[in-house]
Amino acid sequence: MPLGGEEYIKTELSMTAAEANVRAVTFIVPIMLLYGVAYWVVWPEQFSTQHIRQLAETQQKLLLLSPFVLLLVFVVGAAVHELLHGLTWAAFCRDGFRSIKFGVHWKMLTPYCHCKEVLPLRHYALGGMMPGLVMGLLPALAGIAMGHFLLFLFGLFFSMAAAGDLLILWMLRHQQSSDLVQDHPDKIGCYVLTKV
């Protein structure tokens, strides 16, 4: 495949949304264990029965509203997650935000962000990891550092929500830094362009 006067071999690394949901579990379980153990090691007293009872009493109104709050956090969070992909990739695209497409796979109720341009591997990977970093890892670390359980849970939830992104980054782990990546328009994954 010619690109910019160079010849590239194009390889597809992809899976269906259903396959990705199943494979993402291999990232979700270790994330839960790692984050949970880290929080427990730093704040073991927060896991006492008395502390949990006090937390439930002080957060009673929030607990009553929790289904609505969780739905709002999920919907807004999913939109922000995809927006972070798009903003990061757009920063490296020749045509900027015009090269970014957002949508929803309605059968799986999965929002998506698609970059239409070919990007260097490091730029594609940065856009892939940005939501998990900004909405997941950083809030979870802040929650652990401050002993703020709700902030920790927010970070844990959005780290797990980024499991599909981690799966794609894992699929790219053997690629060369000189490779180019083109986001797959229909499946979870991408095409890798390796210079001949």
N, C-alpha and C. Protein backbone atom coordinates (compact mmCIF):
# COMPACT_ATOMS: atom_id res chain seq x y z
N MET A 1 0.85 -1.19 0.00
CA MET A 1 0.00 0.00 0.00
C MET A 1 0.88 1.24 0.00
N PRO A 2 0.79 2.09 -1.01
CA PRO A 2 1.60 3.31 -1.04
C PRO A 2 1.02 4.40 -0.14
N LEU A 3 1.91 5.13 0.54
CA LEU A 3 1.50 6.22 1.42
C LEU A 3 2.65 7.20 1.50
N GLY A 4 2.41 8.41 1.02
CA GLY A 4 3.46 9.44 1.07
C GLY A 4 4.72 9.04 0.33
N GLY A 5 4.57 8.31 -0.78
CA GLY A 5 5.71 7.90 -1.57
C GLY A 5 6.43 6.68 -1.03
N GLU A 6 5.97 6.13 0.08
CA GLU A 6 6.57 4.94 0.69
C GLU A 6 5.61 3.76 0.52
N GLU A 7 6.17 2.56 0.54
CA GLU A 7 5.34 1.35 0.47
C GLU A 7 5.18 0.76 1.87
N TYR A 8 3.93 0.39 2.22
CA TYR A 8 3.63 -0.17 3.53
C TYR A 8 2.86 -1.48 3.39
N ILE A 9 3.09 -2.36 4.35
CA ILE A 9 2.28 -3.57 4.47
C ILE A 9 1.19 -3.26 5.50
N LYS A 10 -0.06 -3.54 5.14
CA LYS A 10 -1.20 -3.22 6.01
C LYS A 10 -1.70 -4.50 6.68
N THR A 11 -1.71 -4.50 8.02
CA THR A 11 -2.15 -5.65 8.80
C THR A 11 -3.32 -5.24 9.69
N GLU A 12 -4.36 -6.05 9.70
CA GLU A 12 -5.53 -5.75 10.53
C GLU A 12 -5.38 -6.39 11.91
N LEU A 13 -5.57 -5.58 12.95
CA LEU A 13 -5.62 -6.06 14.34
C LEU A 13 -6.97 -5.63 14.89
N SER A 14 -7.96 -6.52 14.87
CA SER A 14 -9.30 -6.11 15.28
C SER A 14 -10.11 -7.28 15.80
N MET A 15 -11.26 -6.93 16.37
CA MET A 15 -12.23 -7.91 16.84
C MET A 15 -13.60 -7.23 16.89
N THR A 16 -14.63 -8.03 17.04
CA THR A 16 -15.97 -7.45 17.16
C THR A 16 -16.13 -6.87 18.56
N ALA A 17 -17.16 -6.04 18.73
CA ALA A 17 -17.43 -5.45 20.04
C ALA A 17 -17.74 -6.54 21.06
N ALA A 18 -18.44 -7.60 20.65
CA ALA A 18 -18.77 -8.70 21.56
C ALA A 18 -17.50 -9.40 22.03
N GLU A 19 -16.57 -9.68 21.10
CA GLU A 19 -15.29 -10.30 21.46
C GLU A 19 -14.49 -9.40 22.40
N ALA A 20 -14.48 -8.11 22.11
CA ALA A 20 -13.73 -7.17 22.94
C ALA A 20 -14.27 -7.13 24.36
N ASN A 21 -15.61 -7.17 24.51
CA ASN A 21 -16.21 -7.15 25.84
C ASN A 21 -15.78 -8.37 26.67
N VAL A 22 -15.68 -9.53 26.01
CA VAL A 22 -15.26 -10.75 26.71
C VAL A 22 -13.78 -10.66 27.07
N ARG A 23 -12.95 -10.25 26.13
CA ARG A 23 -11.50 -10.19 26.37
C ARG A 23 -11.12 -9.09 27.35
N ALA A 24 -11.92 -8.05 27.44
CA ALA A 24 -11.61 -6.94 28.35
C ALA A 24 -11.63 -7.37 29.81
N VAL A 25 -12.34 -8.46 30.10
CA VAL A 25 -12.40 -8.97 31.48
C VAL A 25 -11.00 -9.30 31.99
N THR A 26 -10.11 -9.72 31.10
CA THR A 26 -8.74 -10.05 31.52
C THR A 26 -7.99 -8.81 32.05
N PHE A 27 -8.48 -7.62 31.74
CA PHE A 27 -7.90 -6.39 32.28
C PHE A 27 -8.70 -5.89 33.50
N ILE A 28 -10.01 -6.13 33.50
CA ILE A 28 -10.86 -5.62 34.57
C ILE A 28 -10.51 -6.26 35.92
N VAL A 29 -10.35 -7.57 35.94
CA VAL A 29 -10.08 -8.27 37.20
C VAL A 29 -8.76 -7.79 37.83
N PRO A 30 -7.64 -7.74 37.08
CA PRO A 30 -6.41 -7.24 37.69
C PRO A 30 -6.50 -5.77 38.15
N ILE A 31 -7.23 -4.94 37.40
CA ILE A 31 -7.42 -3.54 37.81
C ILE A 31 -8.14 -3.48 39.15
N MET A 32 -9.22 -4.25 39.29
CA MET A 32 -9.97 -4.26 40.55
C MET A 32 -9.09 -4.72 41.71
N LEU A 33 -8.33 -5.78 41.49
CA LEU A 33 -7.47 -6.30 42.55
C LEU A 33 -6.36 -5.31 42.92
N LEU A 34 -5.68 -4.79 41.92
CA LEU A 34 -4.57 -3.87 42.16
C LEU A 34 -5.03 -2.61 42.87
N TYR A 35 -6.07 -1.98 42.36
CA TYR A 35 -6.57 -0.76 42.96
C TYR A 35 -7.13 -1.03 44.37
N GLY A 36 -7.93 -2.10 44.48
CA GLY A 36 -8.56 -2.42 45.76
C GLY A 36 -7.54 -2.71 46.85
N VAL A 37 -6.52 -3.50 46.53
CA VAL A 37 -5.47 -3.82 47.50
C VAL A 37 -4.71 -2.55 47.88
N ALA A 38 -4.41 -1.70 46.89
CA ALA A 38 -3.68 -0.46 47.18
C ALA A 38 -4.47 0.42 48.15
N TYR A 39 -5.78 0.55 47.91
CA TYR A 39 -6.60 1.38 48.80
C TYR A 39 -6.65 0.76 50.20
N TRP A 40 -6.83 -0.54 50.27
CA TRP A 40 -6.92 -1.22 51.56
C TRP A 40 -5.62 -1.12 52.36
N VAL A 41 -4.47 -1.22 51.68
CA VAL A 41 -3.17 -1.12 52.36
C VAL A 41 -2.99 0.27 52.97
N VAL A 42 -3.39 1.32 52.24
CA VAL A 42 -3.20 2.69 52.71
C VAL A 42 -4.26 3.08 53.75
N TRP A 43 -5.50 2.62 53.57
CA TRP A 43 -6.61 3.03 54.44
C TRP A 43 -7.36 1.81 55.00
N PRO A 44 -6.71 0.92 55.74
CA PRO A 44 -7.40 -0.30 56.23
C PRO A 44 -8.55 0.01 57.17
N GLU A 45 -8.45 1.13 57.92
CA GLU A 45 -9.50 1.46 58.89
C GLU A 45 -10.83 1.78 58.21
N GLN A 46 -10.79 2.16 56.92
CA GLN A 46 -12.03 2.48 56.21
C GLN A 46 -12.87 1.23 55.88
N PHE A 47 -12.29 0.07 56.11
CA PHE A 47 -13.01 -1.17 55.81
C PHE A 47 -13.62 -1.80 57.06
N SER A 48 -13.55 -1.08 58.19
CA SER A 48 -14.17 -1.58 59.42
C SER A 48 -15.69 -1.45 59.30
N THR A 49 -16.41 -2.29 60.01
CA THR A 49 -17.87 -2.27 59.98
C THR A 49 -18.40 -0.92 60.44
N GLN A 50 -17.79 -0.35 61.48
CA GLN A 50 -18.23 0.94 62.01
C GLN A 50 -18.08 2.05 60.97
N HIS A 51 -16.95 2.06 60.29
CA HIS A 51 -16.71 3.10 59.28
C HIS A 51 -17.69 2.96 58.11
N ILE A 52 -17.95 1.75 57.68
CA ILE A 52 -18.88 1.52 56.57
C ILE A 52 -20.29 1.96 56.97
N ARG A 53 -20.68 1.69 58.24
CA ARG A 53 -21.99 2.11 58.74
C ARG A 53 -22.09 3.64 58.77
N GLN A 54 -21.02 4.30 59.23
CA GLN A 54 -21.00 5.77 59.28
C GLN A 54 -21.08 6.36 57.87
N LEU A 55 -20.36 5.75 56.94
CA LEU A 55 -20.37 6.22 55.54
C LEU A 55 -21.78 6.10 54.96
N ALA A 56 -22.45 4.98 55.24
CA ALA A 56 -23.81 4.77 54.75
C ALA A 56 -24.77 5.80 55.34
N GLU A 57 -24.60 6.13 56.62
CA GLU A 57 -25.47 7.11 57.27
C GLU A 57 -25.25 8.52 56.72
N THR A 58 -23.99 8.91 56.55
CA THR A 58 -23.70 10.27 56.06
C THR A 58 -24.03 10.44 54.59
N GLN A 59 -24.00 9.34 53.83
CA GLN A 59 -24.27 9.40 52.40
C GLN A 59 -25.65 8.83 52.06
N GLN A 60 -26.57 8.83 53.05
CA GLN A 60 -27.88 8.20 52.86
C GLN A 60 -28.65 8.77 51.67
N LYS A 61 -28.66 10.08 51.55
CA LYS A 61 -29.40 10.70 50.43
C LYS A 61 -28.78 10.30 49.09
N LEU A 62 -27.44 10.29 49.05
CA LEU A 62 -26.76 9.89 47.81
C LEU A 62 -27.07 8.44 47.48
N LEU A 63 -27.12 7.57 48.51
CA LEU A 63 -27.44 6.16 48.28
C LEU A 63 -28.85 5.99 47.72
N LEU A 64 -29.80 6.81 48.18
CA LEU A 64 -31.17 6.74 47.67
C LEU A 64 -31.24 7.19 46.21
N LEU A 65 -30.42 8.16 45.87
CA LEU A 65 -30.39 8.67 44.50
C LEU A 65 -29.40 7.90 43.61
N SER A 66 -28.68 6.94 44.19
CA SER A 66 -27.57 6.30 43.49
C SER A 66 -27.90 5.74 42.11
N PRO A 67 -29.08 5.11 41.88
CA PRO A 67 -29.33 4.63 40.51
C PRO A 67 -29.31 5.77 39.48
N PHE A 68 -29.89 6.91 39.86
CA PHE A 68 -29.93 8.06 38.94
C PHE A 68 -28.55 8.69 38.80
N VAL A 69 -27.85 8.79 39.93
CA VAL A 69 -26.50 9.36 39.92
C VAL A 69 -25.56 8.49 39.09
N LEU A 70 -25.66 7.17 39.29
CA LEU A 70 -24.81 6.24 38.54
C LEU A 70 -25.10 6.32 37.04
N LEU A 71 -26.38 6.41 36.69
CA LEU A 71 -26.74 6.52 35.27
C LEU A 71 -26.19 7.81 34.67
N LEU A 72 -26.32 8.91 35.40
CA LEU A 72 -25.80 10.19 34.93
C LEU A 72 -24.29 10.15 34.78
N VAL A 73 -23.60 9.61 35.78
CA VAL A 73 -22.13 9.50 35.74
C VAL A 73 -21.72 8.62 34.55
N PHE A 74 -22.46 7.53 34.34
CA PHE A 74 -22.13 6.62 33.24
C PHE A 74 -22.30 7.29 31.88
N VAL A 75 -23.44 7.94 31.68
CA VAL A 75 -23.74 8.55 30.37
C VAL A 75 -22.78 9.72 30.09
N VAL A 76 -22.64 10.63 31.05
CA VAL A 76 -21.74 11.78 30.86
C VAL A 76 -20.29 11.29 30.76
N GLY A 77 -19.95 10.32 31.62
CA GLY A 77 -18.58 9.78 31.61
C GLY A 77 -18.24 9.12 30.28
N ALA A 78 -19.19 8.38 29.71
CA ALA A 78 -18.95 7.72 28.41
C ALA A 78 -18.70 8.77 27.33
N ALA A 79 -19.47 9.86 27.36
CA ALA A 79 -19.28 10.93 26.37
C ALA A 79 -17.92 11.60 26.55
N VAL A 80 -17.54 11.88 27.79
CA VAL A 80 -16.24 12.52 28.06
C VAL A 80 -15.09 11.57 27.67
N HIS A 81 -15.28 10.28 27.94
CA HIS A 81 -14.28 9.26 27.57
C HIS A 81 -13.98 9.34 26.07
N GLU A 82 -15.03 9.31 25.26
CA GLU A 82 -14.84 9.35 23.80
C GLU A 82 -14.30 10.71 23.35
N LEU A 83 -14.74 11.78 24.01
CA LEU A 83 -14.24 13.12 23.67
C LEU A 83 -12.73 13.22 23.93
N LEU A 84 -12.25 12.60 25.00
CA LEU A 84 -10.81 12.60 25.28
C LEU A 84 -10.02 11.88 24.19
N HIS A 85 -10.56 10.76 23.70
CA HIS A 85 -9.93 10.10 22.54
C HIS A 85 -9.84 11.09 21.37
N GLY A 86 -10.99 11.69 21.06
CA GLY A 86 -11.08 12.57 19.90
C GLY A 86 -10.20 13.79 20.00
N LEU A 87 -10.20 14.45 21.14
CA LEU A 87 -9.36 15.65 21.32
C LEU A 87 -7.88 15.33 21.17
N THR A 88 -7.47 14.19 21.75
CA THR A 88 -6.06 13.82 21.68
C THR A 88 -5.66 13.48 20.24
N TRP A 89 -6.45 12.64 19.59
CA TRP A 89 -6.12 12.29 18.20
C TRP A 89 -6.18 13.51 17.29
N ALA A 90 -7.18 14.38 17.49
CA ALA A 90 -7.33 15.56 16.64
C ALA A 90 -6.10 16.47 16.72
N ALA A 91 -5.46 16.50 17.89
CA ALA A 91 -4.26 17.33 18.06
C ALA A 91 -3.14 16.90 17.12
N PHE A 92 -3.16 15.63 16.68
CA PHE A 92 -2.11 15.11 15.80
C PHE A 92 -2.56 14.93 14.36
N CYS A 93 -3.84 15.21 14.08
CA CYS A 93 -4.37 15.03 12.73
C CYS A 93 -4.12 16.26 11.87
N ARG A 94 -3.83 16.02 10.61
CA ARG A 94 -3.64 17.10 9.64
C ARG A 94 -4.90 17.96 9.53
N ASP A 95 -6.07 17.32 9.53
CA ASP A 95 -7.34 18.03 9.41
C ASP A 95 -8.01 18.27 10.76
N GLY A 96 -7.29 18.08 11.83
CA GLY A 96 -7.80 18.36 13.17
C GLY A 96 -9.08 17.61 13.49
N PHE A 97 -10.02 18.30 14.10
CA PHE A 97 -11.25 17.67 14.57
C PHE A 97 -12.14 17.18 13.43
N ARG A 98 -11.91 17.66 12.20
CA ARG A 98 -12.70 17.18 11.06
C ARG A 98 -12.39 15.71 10.76
N SER A 99 -11.27 15.20 11.28
CA SER A 99 -10.89 13.81 11.06
C SER A 99 -11.44 12.87 12.13
N ILE A 100 -12.22 13.42 13.05
CA ILE A 100 -12.75 12.63 14.16
C ILE A 100 -14.25 12.43 13.99
N LYS A 101 -14.69 11.20 14.19
CA LYS A 101 -16.12 10.88 14.06
C LYS A 101 -16.58 10.20 15.36
N PHE A 102 -17.72 10.65 15.88
CA PHE A 102 -18.30 10.06 17.08
C PHE A 102 -19.61 9.37 16.72
N GLY A 103 -19.94 8.35 17.48
CA GLY A 103 -21.21 7.66 17.26
C GLY A 103 -21.48 6.64 18.35
N VAL A 104 -22.52 5.82 18.12
CA VAL A 104 -22.89 4.77 19.08
C VAL A 104 -23.19 3.50 18.29
N HIS A 105 -22.59 2.38 18.71
CA HIS A 105 -22.97 1.06 18.20
C HIS A 105 -24.21 0.66 19.00
N TRP A 106 -25.39 0.87 18.42
CA TRP A 106 -26.64 0.72 19.17
C TRP A 106 -26.90 -0.70 19.61
N LYS A 107 -26.46 -1.70 18.84
CA LYS A 107 -26.70 -3.10 19.23
C LYS A 107 -26.01 -3.43 20.55
N MET A 108 -24.82 -2.85 20.75
CA MET A 108 -24.05 -3.11 21.98
C MET A 108 -24.17 -1.95 22.97
N LEU A 109 -24.92 -0.90 22.60
CA LEU A 109 -25.02 0.32 23.41
C LEU A 109 -23.64 0.84 23.79
N THR A 110 -22.76 0.86 22.78
CA THR A 110 -21.37 1.26 23.01
C THR A 110 -21.05 2.52 22.21
N PRO A 111 -20.73 3.62 22.89
CA PRO A 111 -20.29 4.82 22.16
C PRO A 111 -18.90 4.59 21.60
N TYR A 112 -18.56 5.33 20.54
CA TYR A 112 -17.23 5.18 19.96
C TYR A 112 -16.72 6.51 19.43
N CYS A 113 -15.41 6.55 19.27
CA CYS A 113 -14.72 7.66 18.62
C CYS A 113 -13.83 7.04 17.56
N HIS A 114 -13.92 7.55 16.33
CA HIS A 114 -13.13 6.99 15.23
C HIS A 114 -12.27 8.09 14.62
N CYS A 115 -10.97 7.81 14.49
CA CYS A 115 -10.05 8.73 13.83
C CYS A 115 -9.87 8.26 12.39
N LYS A 116 -10.16 9.14 11.43
CA LYS A 116 -10.11 8.76 10.02
C LYS A 116 -8.70 8.80 9.43
N GLU A 117 -7.79 9.52 10.10
CA GLU A 117 -6.43 9.67 9.56
C GLU A 117 -5.49 8.59 10.09
N VAL A 118 -4.44 8.35 9.32
CA VAL A 118 -3.36 7.46 9.75
C VAL A 118 -2.45 8.26 10.68
N LEU A 119 -2.11 7.67 11.83
CA LEU A 119 -1.28 8.35 12.83
C LEU A 119 -0.04 7.52 13.15
N PRO A 120 1.05 8.17 13.56
CA PRO A 120 2.19 7.41 14.08
C PRO A 120 1.74 6.62 15.31
N LEU A 121 2.36 5.48 15.54
CA LEU A 121 1.98 4.60 16.63
C LEU A 121 1.89 5.33 17.98
N ARG A 122 2.89 6.16 18.31
CA ARG A 122 2.89 6.82 19.62
C ARG A 122 1.71 7.78 19.78
N HIS A 123 1.30 8.45 18.70
CA HIS A 123 0.16 9.37 18.77
C HIS A 123 -1.16 8.60 18.92
N TYR A 124 -1.26 7.51 18.19
CA TYR A 124 -2.46 6.68 18.29
C TYR A 124 -2.57 6.10 19.70
N ALA A 125 -1.45 5.60 20.22
CA ALA A 125 -1.44 5.01 21.57
C ALA A 125 -1.77 6.05 22.63
N LEU A 126 -1.26 7.26 22.48
CA LEU A 126 -1.56 8.33 23.44
C LEU A 126 -3.05 8.63 23.47
N GLY A 127 -3.66 8.73 22.28
CA GLY A 127 -5.11 8.95 22.21
C GLY A 127 -5.89 7.78 22.79
N GLY A 128 -5.35 6.56 22.62
CA GLY A 128 -6.01 5.38 23.16
C GLY A 128 -5.97 5.31 24.68
N MET A 129 -4.89 5.78 25.27
CA MET A 129 -4.75 5.67 26.73
C MET A 129 -5.28 6.88 27.50
N MET A 130 -5.56 7.99 26.81
CA MET A 130 -5.91 9.23 27.50
C MET A 130 -7.14 9.12 28.43
N PRO A 131 -8.27 8.53 28.00
CA PRO A 131 -9.41 8.45 28.93
C PRO A 131 -9.10 7.63 30.19
N GLY A 132 -8.42 6.52 30.02
CA GLY A 132 -8.08 5.69 31.17
C GLY A 132 -7.15 6.40 32.13
N LEU A 133 -6.29 7.24 31.59
CA LEU A 133 -5.35 7.99 32.42
C LEU A 133 -6.06 9.13 33.15
N VAL A 134 -6.79 9.95 32.40
CA VAL A 134 -7.41 11.16 32.95
C VAL A 134 -8.61 10.84 33.84
N MET A 135 -9.46 9.89 33.41
CA MET A 135 -10.68 9.60 34.16
C MET A 135 -10.53 8.41 35.11
N GLY A 136 -9.50 7.58 34.87
CA GLY A 136 -9.34 6.38 35.66
C GLY A 136 -8.18 6.42 36.63
N LEU A 137 -6.98 6.29 36.11
CA LEU A 137 -5.80 6.16 36.96
C LEU A 137 -5.57 7.36 37.87
N LEU A 138 -5.61 8.57 37.31
CA LEU A 138 -5.33 9.76 38.12
C LEU A 138 -6.35 9.98 39.25
N PRO A 139 -7.67 9.90 38.99
CA PRO A 139 -8.63 10.01 40.10
C PRO A 139 -8.47 8.89 41.13
N ALA A 140 -8.18 7.66 40.67
CA ALA A 140 -8.00 6.55 41.62
C ALA A 140 -6.80 6.81 42.51
N LEU A 141 -5.69 7.27 41.93
CA LEU A 141 -4.50 7.58 42.74
C LEU A 141 -4.77 8.71 43.71
N ALA A 142 -5.50 9.74 43.26
CA ALA A 142 -5.86 10.85 44.15
C ALA A 142 -6.75 10.36 45.28
N GLY A 143 -7.70 9.48 44.96
CA GLY A 143 -8.58 8.91 45.98
C GLY A 143 -7.81 8.09 47.00
N ILE A 144 -6.83 7.32 46.53
CA ILE A 144 -5.99 6.54 47.44
C ILE A 144 -5.15 7.47 48.31
N ALA A 145 -4.55 8.48 47.70
CA ALA A 145 -3.69 9.40 48.44
C ALA A 145 -4.45 10.17 49.51
N MET A 146 -5.69 10.56 49.22
CA MET A 146 -6.48 11.39 50.14
C MET A 146 -7.42 10.58 51.03
N GLY A 147 -7.55 9.27 50.73
CA GLY A 147 -8.52 8.48 51.48
C GLY A 147 -9.95 8.84 51.15
N HIS A 148 -10.16 9.34 49.93
CA HIS A 148 -11.49 9.75 49.47
C HIS A 148 -12.09 8.59 48.68
N PHE A 149 -12.98 7.83 49.34
CA PHE A 149 -13.47 6.58 48.76
C PHE A 149 -14.29 6.79 47.50
N LEU A 150 -15.13 7.83 47.45
CA LEU A 150 -15.96 8.05 46.26
C LEU A 150 -15.11 8.44 45.05
N LEU A 151 -14.07 9.26 45.28
CA LEU A 151 -13.16 9.60 44.18
C LEU A 151 -12.41 8.36 43.72
N PHE A 152 -12.02 7.52 44.67
CA PHE A 152 -11.36 6.24 44.34
C PHE A 152 -12.29 5.38 43.49
N LEU A 153 -13.57 5.27 43.89
CA LEU A 153 -14.52 4.45 43.13
C LEU A 153 -14.73 5.00 41.72
N PHE A 154 -14.77 6.33 41.60
CA PHE A 154 -14.89 6.97 40.29
C PHE A 154 -13.72 6.54 39.41
N GLY A 155 -12.50 6.66 39.94
CA GLY A 155 -11.31 6.27 39.18
C GLY A 155 -11.28 4.79 38.85
N LEU A 156 -11.71 3.96 39.81
CA LEU A 156 -11.76 2.52 39.57
C LEU A 156 -12.74 2.20 38.45
N PHE A 157 -13.93 2.80 38.51
CA PHE A 157 -14.96 2.55 37.50
C PHE A 157 -14.46 2.92 36.10
N PHE A 158 -13.85 4.13 35.98
CA PHE A 158 -13.43 4.56 34.65
C PHE A 158 -12.12 3.92 34.20
N SER A 159 -11.38 3.34 35.12
CA SER A 159 -10.24 2.50 34.72
C SER A 159 -10.77 1.21 34.10
N MET A 160 -11.80 0.64 34.72
CA MET A 160 -12.40 -0.57 34.16
C MET A 160 -13.10 -0.27 32.84
N ALA A 161 -13.69 0.93 32.73
CA ALA A 161 -14.34 1.32 31.48
C ALA A 161 -13.34 1.46 30.33
N ALA A 162 -12.07 1.66 30.68
CA ALA A 162 -11.01 1.80 29.67
C ALA A 162 -10.38 0.46 29.31
N ALA A 163 -10.95 -0.65 29.79
CA ALA A 163 -10.37 -1.97 29.53
C ALA A 163 -10.31 -2.28 28.03
N GLY A 164 -11.31 -1.83 27.27
CA GLY A 164 -11.27 -2.06 25.82
C GLY A 164 -10.12 -1.31 25.16
N ASP A 165 -9.84 -0.10 25.66
CA ASP A 165 -8.69 0.66 25.15
C ASP A 165 -7.38 -0.05 25.49
N LEU A 166 -7.30 -0.57 26.72
CA LEU A 166 -6.10 -1.32 27.13
C LEU A 166 -5.91 -2.55 26.26
N LEU A 167 -7.01 -3.17 25.87
CA LEU A 167 -6.95 -4.34 25.00
C LEU A 167 -6.33 -3.98 23.65
N ILE A 168 -6.73 -2.86 23.08
CA ILE A 168 -6.16 -2.43 21.79
C ILE A 168 -4.68 -2.10 21.96
N LEU A 169 -4.33 -1.41 23.03
CA LEU A 169 -2.91 -1.10 23.28
C LEU A 169 -2.10 -2.37 23.46
N TRP A 170 -2.68 -3.37 24.11
CA TRP A 170 -2.02 -4.66 24.29
C TRP A 170 -1.80 -5.33 22.93
N MET A 171 -2.77 -5.22 22.04
CA MET A 171 -2.64 -5.81 20.70
C MET A 171 -1.51 -5.14 19.91
N LEU A 172 -1.20 -3.89 20.25
CA LEU A 172 -0.15 -3.14 19.54
C LEU A 172 1.24 -3.28 20.18
N ARG A 173 1.35 -4.08 21.24
CA ARG A 173 2.58 -4.10 22.03
C ARG A 173 3.81 -4.57 21.26
N HIS A 174 3.65 -5.37 20.19
CA HIS A 174 4.80 -5.88 19.44
C HIS A 174 5.16 -5.03 18.22
N GLN A 175 4.42 -3.94 18.02
CA GLN A 175 4.66 -3.11 16.83
C GLN A 175 5.90 -2.24 17.03
N GLN A 176 6.48 -1.82 15.91
CA GLN A 176 7.66 -0.97 15.92
C GLN A 176 7.24 0.49 16.10
N SER A 177 8.10 1.29 16.70
CA SER A 177 7.78 2.71 16.92
C SER A 177 7.61 3.46 15.60
N SER A 178 8.18 2.94 14.52
CA SER A 178 8.07 3.59 13.21
C SER A 178 6.77 3.23 12.48
N ASP A 179 5.98 2.30 13.03
CA ASP A 179 4.74 1.88 12.38
C ASP A 179 3.70 3.00 12.44
N LEU A 180 2.79 2.96 11.48
CA LEU A 180 1.65 3.87 11.45
C LEU A 180 0.40 3.08 11.79
N VAL A 181 -0.60 3.77 12.35
CA VAL A 181 -1.83 3.10 12.76
C VAL A 181 -3.02 3.84 12.19
N GLN A 182 -3.96 3.06 11.67
CA GLN A 182 -5.21 3.61 11.15
C GLN A 182 -6.35 2.96 11.94
N ASP A 183 -7.14 3.76 12.61
CA ASP A 183 -8.25 3.26 13.41
C ASP A 183 -9.21 2.48 12.51
N HIS A 184 -9.70 1.34 13.00
CA HIS A 184 -10.64 0.54 12.21
C HIS A 184 -12.01 1.23 12.21
N PRO A 185 -12.62 1.39 11.04
CA PRO A 185 -13.90 2.12 10.98
C PRO A 185 -15.10 1.35 11.52
N ASP A 186 -15.02 0.01 11.56
CA ASP A 186 -16.20 -0.79 11.92
C ASP A 186 -16.01 -1.70 13.13
N LYS A 187 -14.78 -2.10 13.41
CA LYS A 187 -14.52 -3.05 14.49
C LYS A 187 -13.71 -2.39 15.60
N ILE A 188 -13.55 -3.12 16.71
CA ILE A 188 -12.68 -2.67 17.78
C ILE A 188 -11.25 -3.02 17.36
N GLY A 189 -10.43 -2.02 17.15
CA GLY A 189 -9.05 -2.28 16.74
C GLY A 189 -8.59 -1.30 15.69
N CYS A 190 -7.63 -1.75 14.88
CA CYS A 190 -6.98 -0.85 13.94
C CYS A 190 -6.27 -1.63 12.84
N TYR A 191 -5.74 -0.87 11.89
CA TYR A 191 -4.82 -1.40 10.89
C TYR A 191 -3.45 -0.88 11.23
N VAL A 192 -2.43 -1.73 11.11
CA VAL A 192 -1.05 -1.32 11.33
C VAL A 192 -0.35 -1.28 9.98
N LEU A 193 0.31 -0.17 9.70
CA LEU A 193 1.03 0.00 8.45
C LEU A 193 2.52 -0.04 8.75
N THR A 194 3.18 -1.07 8.24
CA THR A 194 4.61 -1.26 8.47
C THR A 194 5.36 -1.01 7.18
N LYS A 195 6.39 -0.17 7.27
CA LYS A 195 7.16 0.18 6.08
C LYS A 195 7.87 -1.04 5.52
N VAL A 196 7.79 -1.21 4.19
CA VAL A 196 8.42 -2.36 3.51
C VAL A 196 9.94 -2.17 3.52
